[in-house]
Amino acid sequence: MKNAQISASSSGLNLTIIGPGGTDYRVVGFVSGNDITLSEPTPGNLTVDASGNQMTGIINGWDNAKITLHKQ
């Protein structure tokens, strides 16, 4: 996910769901401290860990998928 942050709103581009029929989605969310609340393409919540290198959370619209994103 490439992320661009302007003040308290965040919009990202090119989140790719990898797997059968992998699709690119535009991601829209809002940042408050270490928490990111996603609104598009589906609701969800992510939290950045203390190191700033990992985000974990749940994407509600995809069967409450638990996800972890690592900084490369």
PDB file of N, CA and C in Angstrom:
ATOM      1  N   MET A   1       0.845  -1.154   0.000  1.00  0.00           N
ATOM      2  CA  MET A   1       0.000   0.000   0.000  1.00  0.00           C
ATOM      3  C   MET A   1       0.898   1.227   0.000  1.00  0.00           C
ATOM      4  N   LYS A   2       0.700   2.090  -0.940  1.00  0.00           N
ATOM      5  CA  LYS A   2       1.364   3.384  -0.932  1.00  0.00           C
ATOM      6  C   LYS A   2       0.415   4.342  -0.234  1.00  0.00           C
ATOM      7  N   ASN A   3       0.923   5.109   0.702  1.00  0.00           N
ATOM      8  CA  ASN A   3       0.053   5.941   1.504  1.00  0.00           C
ATOM      9  C   ASN A   3       0.495   7.391   1.441  1.00  0.00           C
ATOM     10  N   ALA A   4      -0.452   8.285   1.264  1.00  0.00           N
ATOM     11  CA  ALA A   4      -0.172   9.723   1.310  1.00  0.00           C
ATOM     12  C   ALA A   4      -1.052  10.326   2.381  1.00  0.00           C
ATOM     13  N   GLN A   5      -0.455  11.062   3.325  1.00  0.00           N
ATOM     14  CA  GLN A   5      -1.238  11.633   4.411  1.00  0.00           C
ATOM     15  C   GLN A   5      -1.217  13.141   4.331  1.00  0.00           C
ATOM     16  N   ILE A   6      -2.403  13.733   4.403  1.00  0.00           N
ATOM     17  CA  ILE A   6      -2.552  15.176   4.455  1.00  0.00           C
ATOM     18  C   ILE A   6      -3.407  15.467   5.677  1.00  0.00           C
ATOM     19  N   SER A   7      -2.871  16.126   6.666  1.00  0.00           N
ATOM     20  CA  SER A   7      -3.503  16.398   7.956  1.00  0.00           C
ATOM     21  C   SER A   7      -4.069  15.110   8.537  1.00  0.00           C
ATOM     22  N   ALA A   8      -5.328  15.138   8.981  1.00  0.00           N
ATOM     23  CA  ALA A   8      -5.886  13.966   9.663  1.00  0.00           C
ATOM     24  C   ALA A   8      -6.564  12.983   8.717  1.00  0.00           C
ATOM     25  N   SER A   9      -6.561  13.256   7.414  1.00  0.00           N
ATOM     26  CA  SER A   9      -7.161  12.290   6.501  1.00  0.00           C
ATOM     27  C   SER A   9      -6.060  11.596   5.715  1.00  0.00           C
ATOM     28  N   SER A  10      -6.313  10.373   5.359  1.00  0.00           N
ATOM     29  CA  SER A  10      -5.321   9.587   4.641  1.00  0.00           C
ATOM     30  C   SER A  10      -5.973   8.956   3.433  1.00  0.00           C
ATOM     31  N   SER A  11      -5.283   9.004   2.310  1.00  0.00           N
ATOM     32  CA  SER A  11      -5.774   8.275   1.148  1.00  0.00           C
ATOM     33  C   SER A  11      -4.613   7.495   0.574  1.00  0.00           C
ATOM     34  N   GLY A  12      -4.847   6.258   0.278  1.00  0.00           N
ATOM     35  CA  GLY A  12      -3.789   5.420  -0.243  1.00  0.00           C
ATOM     36  C   GLY A  12      -4.157   4.895  -1.611  1.00  0.00           C
ATOM     37  N   LEU A  13      -3.157   4.457  -2.333  1.00  0.00           N
ATOM     38  CA  LEU A  13      -3.379   3.918  -3.667  1.00  0.00           C
ATOM     39  C   LEU A  13      -2.736   2.548  -3.760  1.00  0.00           C
ATOM     40  N   ASN A  14      -3.289   1.710  -4.589  1.00  0.00           N
ATOM     41  CA  ASN A  14      -2.671   0.447  -4.966  1.00  0.00           C
ATOM     42  C   ASN A  14      -2.530  -0.569  -3.838  1.00  0.00           C
ATOM     43  N   LEU A  15      -3.565  -0.747  -3.058  1.00  0.00           N
ATOM     44  CA  LEU A  15      -3.603  -1.865  -2.128  1.00  0.00           C
ATOM     45  C   LEU A  15      -4.011  -3.069  -2.949  1.00  0.00           C
ATOM     46  N   THR A  16      -3.163  -4.067  -3.034  1.00  0.00           N
ATOM     47  CA  THR A  16      -3.445  -5.236  -3.857  1.00  0.00           C
ATOM     48  C   THR A  16      -3.766  -6.416  -2.971  1.00  0.00           C
ATOM     49  N   ILE A  17      -4.926  -6.976  -3.182  1.00  0.00           N
ATOM     50  CA  ILE A  17      -5.308  -8.200  -2.494  1.00  0.00           C
ATOM     51  C   ILE A  17      -4.764  -9.347  -3.339  1.00  0.00           C
ATOM     52  N   ILE A  18      -3.835 -10.107  -2.777  1.00  0.00           N
ATOM     53  CA  ILE A  18      -3.178 -11.170  -3.534  1.00  0.00           C
ATOM     54  C   ILE A  18      -3.868 -12.490  -3.253  1.00  0.00           C
ATOM     55  N   GLY A  19      -4.183 -13.196  -4.298  1.00  0.00           N
ATOM     56  CA  GLY A  19      -4.850 -14.488  -4.189  1.00  0.00           C
ATOM     57  C   GLY A  19      -5.653 -14.692  -5.447  1.00  0.00           C
ATOM     58  N   PRO A  20      -6.506 -15.702  -5.458  1.00  0.00           N
ATOM     59  CA  PRO A  20      -7.325 -15.937  -6.646  1.00  0.00           C
ATOM     60  C   PRO A  20      -8.129 -14.685  -6.990  1.00  0.00           C
ATOM     61  N   GLY A  21      -7.951 -14.198  -8.191  1.00  0.00           N
ATOM     62  CA  GLY A  21      -8.693 -13.011  -8.614  1.00  0.00           C
ATOM     63  C   GLY A  21      -8.217 -11.743  -7.945  1.00  0.00           C
ATOM     64  N   GLY A  22      -6.928 -11.649  -7.547  1.00  0.00           N
ATOM     65  CA  GLY A  22      -6.388 -10.466  -6.868  1.00  0.00           C
ATOM     66  C   GLY A  22      -6.793  -9.185  -7.579  1.00  0.00           C
ATOM     67  N   THR A  23      -7.207  -8.192  -6.817  1.00  0.00           N
ATOM     68  CA  THR A  23      -7.749  -6.964  -7.366  1.00  0.00           C
ATOM     69  C   THR A  23      -7.073  -5.772  -6.705  1.00  0.00           C
ATOM     70  N   ASP A  24      -6.868  -4.684  -7.457  1.00  0.00           N
ATOM     71  CA  ASP A  24      -6.354  -3.439  -6.894  1.00  0.00           C
ATOM     72  C   ASP A  24      -7.521  -2.599  -6.398  1.00  0.00           C
ATOM     73  N   TYR A  25      -7.387  -2.056  -5.175  1.00  0.00           N
ATOM     74  CA  TYR A  25      -8.422  -1.214  -4.590  1.00  0.00           C
ATOM     75  C   TYR A  25      -7.839   0.125  -4.176  1.00  0.00           C
ATOM     76  N   ARG A  26      -8.607   1.190  -4.331  1.00  0.00           N
ATOM     77  CA  ARG A  26      -8.260   2.492  -3.762  1.00  0.00           C
ATOM     78  C   ARG A  26      -8.714   2.467  -2.313  1.00  0.00           C
ATOM     79  N   VAL A  27      -7.833   2.896  -1.415  1.00  0.00           N
ATOM     80  CA  VAL A  27      -8.118   2.841   0.011  1.00  0.00           C
ATOM     81  C   VAL A  27      -8.292   4.258   0.539  1.00  0.00           C
ATOM     82  N   VAL A  28      -9.366   4.494   1.301  1.00  0.00           N
ATOM     83  CA  VAL A  28      -9.615   5.790   1.923  1.00  0.00           C
ATOM     84  C   VAL A  28      -9.785   5.570   3.413  1.00  0.00           C
ATOM     85  N   GLY A  29      -9.137   6.406   4.218  1.00  0.00           N
ATOM     86  CA  GLY A  29      -9.255   6.270   5.658  1.00  0.00           C
ATOM     87  C   GLY A  29      -8.873   7.548   6.368  1.00  0.00           C
ATOM     88  N   PHE A  30      -8.952   7.514   7.688  1.00  0.00           N
ATOM     89  CA  PHE A  30      -8.656   8.663   8.532  1.00  0.00           C
ATOM     90  C   PHE A  30      -7.691   8.245   9.619  1.00  0.00           C
ATOM     91  N   VAL A  31      -6.739   9.120   9.930  1.00  0.00           N
ATOM     92  CA  VAL A  31      -5.688   8.836  10.889  1.00  0.00           C
ATOM     93  C   VAL A  31      -5.937   9.635  12.163  1.00  0.00           C
ATOM     94  N   SER A  32      -5.814   8.956  13.306  1.00  0.00           N
ATOM     95  CA  SER A  32      -5.879   9.617  14.602  1.00  0.00           C
ATOM     96  C   SER A  32      -4.853   8.939  15.495  1.00  0.00           C
ATOM     97  N   GLY A  33      -3.747   9.614  15.762  1.00  0.00           N
ATOM     98  CA  GLY A  33      -2.671   9.004  16.548  1.00  0.00           C
ATOM     99  C   GLY A  33      -2.108   7.807  15.814  1.00  0.00           C
ATOM    100  N   ASN A  34      -2.137   6.632  16.450  1.00  0.00           N
ATOM    101  CA  ASN A  34      -1.645   5.398  15.836  1.00  0.00           C
ATOM    102  C   ASN A  34      -2.763   4.569  15.202  1.00  0.00           C
ATOM    103  N   ASP A  35      -3.971   5.112  15.130  1.00  0.00           N
ATOM    104  CA  ASP A  35      -5.115   4.374  14.603  1.00  0.00           C
ATOM    105  C   ASP A  35      -5.524   4.887  13.234  1.00  0.00           C
ATOM    106  N   ILE A  36      -5.836   3.959  12.351  1.00  0.00           N
ATOM    107  CA  ILE A  36      -6.340   4.274  11.018  1.00  0.00           C
ATOM    108  C   ILE A  36      -7.711   3.633  10.878  1.00  0.00           C
ATOM    109  N   THR A  37      -8.703   4.449  10.579  1.00  0.00           N
ATOM    110  CA  THR A  37     -10.057   3.953  10.354  1.00  0.00           C
ATOM    111  C   THR A  37     -10.317   4.002   8.857  1.00  0.00           C
ATOM    112  N   LEU A  38     -10.519   2.830   8.257  1.00  0.00           N
ATOM    113  CA  LEU A  38     -10.763   2.741   6.813  1.00  0.00           C
ATOM    114  C   LEU A  38     -12.241   2.924   6.523  1.00  0.00           C
ATOM    115  N   SER A  39     -12.545   3.640   5.439  1.00  0.00           N
ATOM    116  CA  SER A  39     -13.940   3.808   5.036  1.00  0.00           C
ATOM    117  C   SER A  39     -14.216   3.206   3.664  1.00  0.00           C
ATOM    118  N   GLU A  40     -13.213   3.120   2.811  1.00  0.00           N
ATOM    119  CA  GLU A  40     -13.378   2.537   1.482  1.00  0.00           C
ATOM    120  C   GLU A  40     -12.151   1.691   1.163  1.00  0.00           C
ATOM    121  N   PRO A  41     -12.255   0.600   0.511  1.00  0.00           N
ATOM    122  CA  PRO A  41     -13.432   0.049  -0.146  1.00  0.00           C
ATOM    123  C   PRO A  41     -14.377  -0.659   0.820  1.00  0.00           C
ATOM    124  N   THR A  42     -13.945  -0.856   2.073  1.00  0.00           N
ATOM    125  CA  THR A  42     -14.771  -1.485   3.083  1.00  0.00           C
ATOM    126  C   THR A  42     -14.305  -0.996   4.447  1.00  0.00           C
ATOM    127  N   PRO A  43     -15.187  -0.931   5.447  1.00  0.00           N
ATOM    128  CA  PRO A  43     -14.775  -0.439   6.761  1.00  0.00           C
ATOM    129  C   PRO A  43     -13.739  -1.344   7.415  1.00  0.00           C
ATOM    130  N   GLY A  44     -12.898  -0.735   8.225  1.00  0.00           N
ATOM    131  CA  GLY A  44     -11.906  -1.499   8.964  1.00  0.00           C
ATOM    132  C   GLY A  44     -11.115  -0.598   9.885  1.00  0.00           C
ATOM    133  N   ASN A  45     -10.321  -1.208  10.744  1.00  0.00           N
ATOM    134  CA  ASN A  45      -9.482  -0.469  11.682  1.00  0.00           C
ATOM    135  C   ASN A  45      -8.104  -1.091  11.713  1.00  0.00           C
ATOM    136  N   LEU A  46      -7.079  -0.232  11.660  1.00  0.00           N
ATOM    137  CA  LEU A  46      -5.695  -0.669  11.755  1.00  0.00           C
ATOM    138  C   LEU A  46      -5.015   0.135  12.849  1.00  0.00           C
ATOM    139  N   THR A  47      -4.061  -0.484  13.541  1.00  0.00           N
ATOM    140  CA  THR A  47      -3.272   0.205  14.555  1.00  0.00           C
ATOM    141  C   THR A  47      -1.799   0.012  14.242  1.00  0.00           C
ATOM    142  N   VAL A  48      -1.050   1.114  14.268  1.00  0.00           N
ATOM    143  CA  VAL A  48       0.396   1.062  14.063  1.00  0.00           C
ATOM    144  C   VAL A  48       1.043   0.698  15.391  1.00  0.00           C
ATOM    145  N   ASP A  49       1.979  -0.279  15.366  1.00  0.00           N
ATOM    146  CA  ASP A  49       2.646  -0.673  16.607  1.00  0.00           C
ATOM    147  C   ASP A  49       3.663   0.382  17.041  1.00  0.00           C
ATOM    148  N   ALA A  50       4.212   0.219  18.239  1.00  0.00           N
ATOM    149  CA  ALA A  50       5.119   1.204  18.827  1.00  0.00           C
ATOM    150  C   ALA A  50       6.367   1.441  17.984  1.00  0.00           C
ATOM    151  N   SER A  51       6.824   0.419  17.250  1.00  0.00           N
ATOM    152  CA  SER A  51       8.024   0.575  16.430  1.00  0.00           C
ATOM    153  C   SER A  51       7.756   1.385  15.164  1.00  0.00           C
ATOM    154  N   GLY A  52       6.483   1.489  14.775  1.00  0.00           N
ATOM    155  CA  GLY A  52       6.124   2.179  13.542  1.00  0.00           C
ATOM    156  C   GLY A  52       6.360   1.355  12.297  1.00  0.00           C
ATOM    157  N   ASN A  53       6.718   0.085  12.460  1.00  0.00           N
ATOM    158  CA  ASN A  53       7.044  -0.772  11.321  1.00  0.00           C
ATOM    159  C   ASN A  53       5.937  -1.744  10.937  1.00  0.00           C
ATOM    160  N   GLN A  54       4.849  -1.775  11.700  1.00  0.00           N
ATOM    161  CA  GLN A  54       3.804  -2.769  11.443  1.00  0.00           C
ATOM    162  C   GLN A  54       2.440  -2.194  11.794  1.00  0.00           C
ATOM    163  N   MET A  55       1.429  -2.550  10.977  1.00  0.00           N
ATOM    164  CA  MET A  55       0.037  -2.227  11.262  1.00  0.00           C
ATOM    165  C   MET A  55      -0.741  -3.527  11.316  1.00  0.00           C
ATOM    166  N   THR A  56      -1.628  -3.640  12.282  1.00  0.00           N
ATOM    167  CA  THR A  56      -2.499  -4.808  12.369  1.00  0.00           C
ATOM    168  C   THR A  56      -3.932  -4.331  12.548  1.00  0.00           C
ATOM    169  N   GLY A  57      -4.866  -5.165  12.154  1.00  0.00           N
ATOM    170  CA  GLY A  57      -6.264  -4.808  12.329  1.00  0.00           C
ATOM    171  C   GLY A  57      -7.198  -5.772  11.645  1.00  0.00           C
ATOM    172  N   ILE A  58      -8.446  -5.343  11.541  1.00  0.00           N
ATOM    173  CA  ILE A  58      -9.506  -6.161  10.955  1.00  0.00           C
ATOM    174  C   ILE A  58     -10.207  -5.366   9.865  1.00  0.00           C
ATOM    175  N   ILE A  59     -10.411  -6.013   8.724  1.00  0.00           N
ATOM    176  CA  ILE A  59     -11.185  -5.445   7.625  1.00  0.00           C
ATOM    177  C   ILE A  59     -12.576  -6.062   7.718  1.00  0.00           C
ATOM    178  N   ASN A  60     -13.550  -5.253   8.118  1.00  0.00           N
ATOM    179  CA  ASN A  60     -14.883  -5.758   8.439  1.00  0.00           C
ATOM    180  C   ASN A  60     -15.627  -6.367   7.257  1.00  0.00           C
ATOM    181  N   GLY A  61     -15.530  -5.746   6.090  1.00  0.00           N
ATOM    182  CA  GLY A  61     -16.324  -6.196   4.952  1.00  0.00           C
ATOM    183  C   GLY A  61     -15.811  -7.447   4.274  1.00  0.00           C
ATOM    184  N   TRP A  62     -14.617  -7.909   4.627  1.00  0.00           N
ATOM    185  CA  TRP A  62     -14.052  -9.109   4.030  1.00  0.00           C
ATOM    186  C   TRP A  62     -14.022 -10.206   5.069  1.00  0.00           C
ATOM    187  N   ASP A  63     -15.208 -10.608   5.532  1.00  0.00           N
ATOM    188  CA  ASP A  63     -15.356 -11.678   6.526  1.00  0.00           C
ATOM    189  C   ASP A  63     -14.504 -11.437   7.759  1.00  0.00           C
ATOM    190  N   ASN A  64     -14.419 -10.172   8.194  1.00  0.00           N
ATOM    191  CA  ASN A  64     -13.639  -9.800   9.375  1.00  0.00           C
ATOM    192  C   ASN A  64     -12.193 -10.334   9.270  1.00  0.00           C
ATOM    193  N   ALA A  65     -11.592 -10.115   8.100  1.00  0.00           N
ATOM    194  CA  ALA A  65     -10.229 -10.581   7.846  1.00  0.00           C
ATOM    195  C   ALA A  65      -9.243  -9.886   8.773  1.00  0.00           C
ATOM    196  N   LYS A  66      -8.412 -10.652   9.453  1.00  0.00           N
ATOM    197  CA  LYS A  66      -7.328 -10.115  10.269  1.00  0.00           C
ATOM    198  C   LYS A  66      -6.130  -9.909   9.358  1.00  0.00           C
ATOM    199  N   ILE A  67      -5.567  -8.693   9.372  1.00  0.00           N
ATOM    200  CA  ILE A  67      -4.431  -8.406   8.488  1.00  0.00           C
ATOM    201  C   ILE A  67      -3.262  -7.825   9.281  1.00  0.00           C
ATOM    202  N   THR A  68      -2.082  -8.038   8.740  1.00  0.00           N
ATOM    203  CA  THR A  68      -0.865  -7.432   9.269  1.00  0.00           C
ATOM    204  C   THR A  68      -0.073  -6.897   8.086  1.00  0.00           C
ATOM    205  N   LEU A  69       0.295  -5.626   8.164  1.00  0.00           N
ATOM    206  CA  LEU A  69       1.113  -4.991   7.130  1.00  0.00           C
ATOM    207  C   LEU A  69       2.455  -4.635   7.736  1.00  0.00           C
ATOM    208  N   HIS A  70       3.540  -4.984   7.026  1.00  0.00           N
ATOM    209  CA  HIS A  70       4.899  -4.704   7.494  1.00  0.00           C
ATOM    210  C   HIS A  70       5.548  -3.682   6.578  1.00  0.00           C
ATOM    211  N   LYS A  71       6.314  -2.776   7.162  1.00  0.00           N
ATOM    212  CA  LYS A  71       7.092  -1.816   6.379  1.00  0.00           C
ATOM    213  C   LYS A  71       8.246  -2.557   5.733  1.00  0.00           C
ATOM    214  N   GLN A  72       8.525  -2.266   4.468  1.00  0.00           N
ATOM    215  CA  GLN A  72       9.646  -2.919   3.782  1.00  0.00           C
ATOM    216  C   GLN A  72      10.868  -2.057   3.833  1.00  0.00           C
TER     217      GLN A  72
END
